[in-house]
C-alpha atoms as a PDB file:
ATOM      1  CA  MET A   1      93.951  67.610 -60.764  1.00  0.00           C
ATOM      2  CA  ALA A   2      95.885  67.962 -63.985  1.00  0.00           C
ATOM      3  CA  GLY A   3      94.389  70.679 -66.146  1.00  0.00           C
ATOM      4  CA  GLU A   4      92.241  72.126 -63.369  1.00  0.00           C
ATOM      5  CA  ARG A   5      92.516  75.836 -62.535  1.00  0.00           C
ATOM      6  CA  LEU A   6      91.943  77.911 -59.453  1.00  0.00           C
ATOM      7  CA  PHE A   7      91.590  81.677 -59.871  1.00  0.00           C
ATOM      8  CA  ALA A   8      92.698  84.088 -57.142  1.00  0.00           C
ATOM      9  CA  THR A   9      91.340  87.634 -56.905  1.00  0.00           C
ATOM     10  CA  ILE A  10      92.428  90.252 -54.372  1.00  0.00           C
ATOM     11  CA  VAL A  11      89.238  91.816 -53.006  1.00  0.00           C
ATOM     12  CA  SER A  12      90.914  94.074 -50.441  1.00  0.00           C
ATOM     13  CA  PRO A  13      92.960  96.231 -50.171  1.00  0.00           C
ATOM     14  CA  LEU A  14      92.316  97.613 -53.647  1.00  0.00           C
ATOM     15  CA  GLU A  15      95.927  98.688 -54.229  1.00  0.00           C
ATOM     16  CA  ALA A  16      97.352  95.234 -53.391  1.00  0.00           C
ATOM     17  CA  ARG A  17      98.849  93.207 -56.235  1.00  0.00           C
ATOM     18  CA  PHE A  18      99.925  89.616 -56.705  1.00  0.00           C
ATOM     19  CA  GLY A  19     103.580  88.807 -57.140  1.00  0.00           C
ATOM     20  CA  LEU A  20     105.275  85.562 -58.126  1.00  0.00           C
ATOM     21  CA  ILE A  21     108.542  84.054 -56.974  1.00  0.00           C
ATOM     22  CA  GLU A  22     110.020  81.635 -59.484  1.00  0.00           C
ATOM     23  CA  ASN A  23     111.945  78.587 -58.249  1.00  0.00           C
ATOM     24  CA  ALA A  24     110.594  78.879 -54.701  1.00  0.00           C
ATOM     25  CA  ASN A  25     112.135  75.650 -53.431  1.00  0.00           C
ATOM     26  CA  PRO A  26     113.528  75.555 -49.908  1.00  0.00           C
ATOM     27  CA  PRO A  27     117.270  75.036 -49.648  1.00  0.00           C
ATOM     28  CA  PRO A  28     118.608  71.460 -49.825  1.00  0.00           C
ATOM     29  CA  PRO A  29     118.558  68.963 -48.189  1.00  0.00           C
ATOM     30  CA  GLN A  30     114.805  69.641 -48.175  1.00  0.00           C
ATOM     31  CA  GLY A  31     112.865  68.113 -51.038  1.00  0.00           C
ATOM     32  CA  GLN A  32     112.867  69.959 -54.343  1.00  0.00           C
ATOM     33  CA  THR A  33     109.872  70.339 -56.659  1.00  0.00           C
ATOM     34  CA  LYS A  34     110.352  71.086 -60.337  1.00  0.00           C
ATOM     35  CA  ASP A  35     108.852  74.443 -61.411  1.00  0.00           C
ATOM     36  CA  LEU A  36     107.682  75.356 -57.887  1.00  0.00           C
ATOM     37  CA  LYS A  37     106.420  78.943 -57.678  1.00  0.00           C
ATOM     38  CA  LYS A  38     105.207  81.004 -54.740  1.00  0.00           C
ATOM     39  CA  LEU A  39     102.262  83.388 -55.046  1.00  0.00           C
ATOM     40  CA  LEU A  40     102.494  86.429 -52.784  1.00  0.00           C
ATOM     41  CA  ILE A  41     100.593  89.642 -52.162  1.00  0.00           C
ATOM     42  CA  ARG A  42     102.407  92.965 -52.448  1.00  0.00           C
ATOM     43  CA  LEU A  43     101.074  95.802 -50.308  1.00  0.00           C
ATOM     44  CA  LYS A  44     101.839  99.510 -50.619  1.00  0.00           C
ATOM     45  CA  ALA A  45     100.966 100.467 -47.038  1.00  0.00           C
ATOM     46  CA  GLU A  46     102.567  99.201 -43.835  1.00  0.00           C
ATOM     47  CA  GLY A  47     100.931  98.319 -40.541  1.00  0.00           C
ATOM     48  CA  LYS A  48      97.804  96.345 -39.752  1.00  0.00           C
ATOM     49  CA  GLN A  49      95.659  95.573 -42.766  1.00  0.00           C
ATOM     50  CA  THR A  50      92.916  93.159 -43.663  1.00  0.00           C
ATOM     51  CA  ILE A  51      93.657  91.120 -46.753  1.00  0.00           C
ATOM     52  CA  VAL A  52      90.755  89.440 -48.538  1.00  0.00           C
ATOM     53  CA  VAL A  53      91.445  86.981 -51.358  1.00  0.00           C
ATOM     54  CA  LEU A  54      88.737  85.117 -53.248  1.00  0.00           C
ATOM     55  CA  LEU A  55      89.675  81.675 -54.575  1.00  0.00           C
ATOM     56  CA  SER A  56      87.298  80.383 -57.227  1.00  0.00           C
ATOM     57  CA  GLU A  57      87.007  77.988 -60.138  1.00  0.00           C
ATOM     58  CA  ASP A  58      85.252  80.841 -62.016  1.00  0.00           C
ATOM     59  CA  PRO A  59      87.581  83.315 -63.785  1.00  0.00           C
ATOM     60  CA  THR A  60      84.939  86.064 -63.402  1.00  0.00           C
ATOM     61  CA  PRO A  61      84.321  86.388 -59.659  1.00  0.00           C
ATOM     62  CA  PRO A  62      81.115  87.925 -58.306  1.00  0.00           C
ATOM     63  CA  ALA A  63      81.113  91.354 -56.672  1.00  0.00           C
ATOM     64  CA  LEU A  64      81.649  90.968 -52.947  1.00  0.00           C
ATOM     65  CA  ARG A  65      81.045  93.061 -49.879  1.00  0.00           C
ATOM     66  CA  THR A  66      83.481  92.405 -47.071  1.00  0.00           C
ATOM     67  CA  THR A  67      82.695  92.703 -43.379  1.00  0.00           C
ATOM     68  CA  PRO A  68      85.506  93.693 -40.996  1.00  0.00           C
ATOM     69  CA  LEU A  69      86.381  90.907 -38.552  1.00  0.00           C
ATOM     70  CA  ALA A  70      85.406  93.126 -35.619  1.00  0.00           C
ATOM     71  CA  GLU A  71      81.814  93.080 -36.942  1.00  0.00           C
ATOM     72  CA  TRP A  72      81.503  89.291 -37.310  1.00  0.00           C
ATOM     73  CA  GLN A  73      78.807  87.904 -35.040  1.00  0.00           C
ATOM     74  CA  GLY A  74      79.998  85.351 -32.515  1.00  0.00           C
ATOM     75  CA  ARG A  75      83.611  86.503 -32.833  1.00  0.00           C
ATOM     76  CA  ARG A  76      85.640  86.159 -29.662  1.00  0.00           C
ATOM     77  CA  GLN A  77      87.092  89.441 -28.492  1.00  0.00           C
ATOM     78  CA  PRO A  78      90.903  89.518 -28.437  1.00  0.00           C
ATOM     79  CA  PRO A  79      92.657  90.192 -25.127  1.00  0.00           C
ATOM     80  CA  ASP A  80      93.563  93.814 -24.409  1.00  0.00           C
ATOM     81  CA  GLY A  81      96.507  95.000 -26.447  1.00  0.00           C
ATOM     82  CA  ASP A  82      95.501  93.301 -29.726  1.00  0.00           C
END
């Protein structure tokens, strides 16, 4: 996999941004990985949100239309309260 790239694009919410944590190793005695970084998503709003991220080998992703989970066909309905 050396030299291969994977591009990540936030599709939704529009105001979300990627963040990066340098040196994201867990504390010892857990194993340490040189130059380990953690990619995270920063959100402006609080509460329930749907986050859509496209992972692609293409740096120019296609335009996408997202469908809310509640509209997916064949989706099991959550129990009351969710």
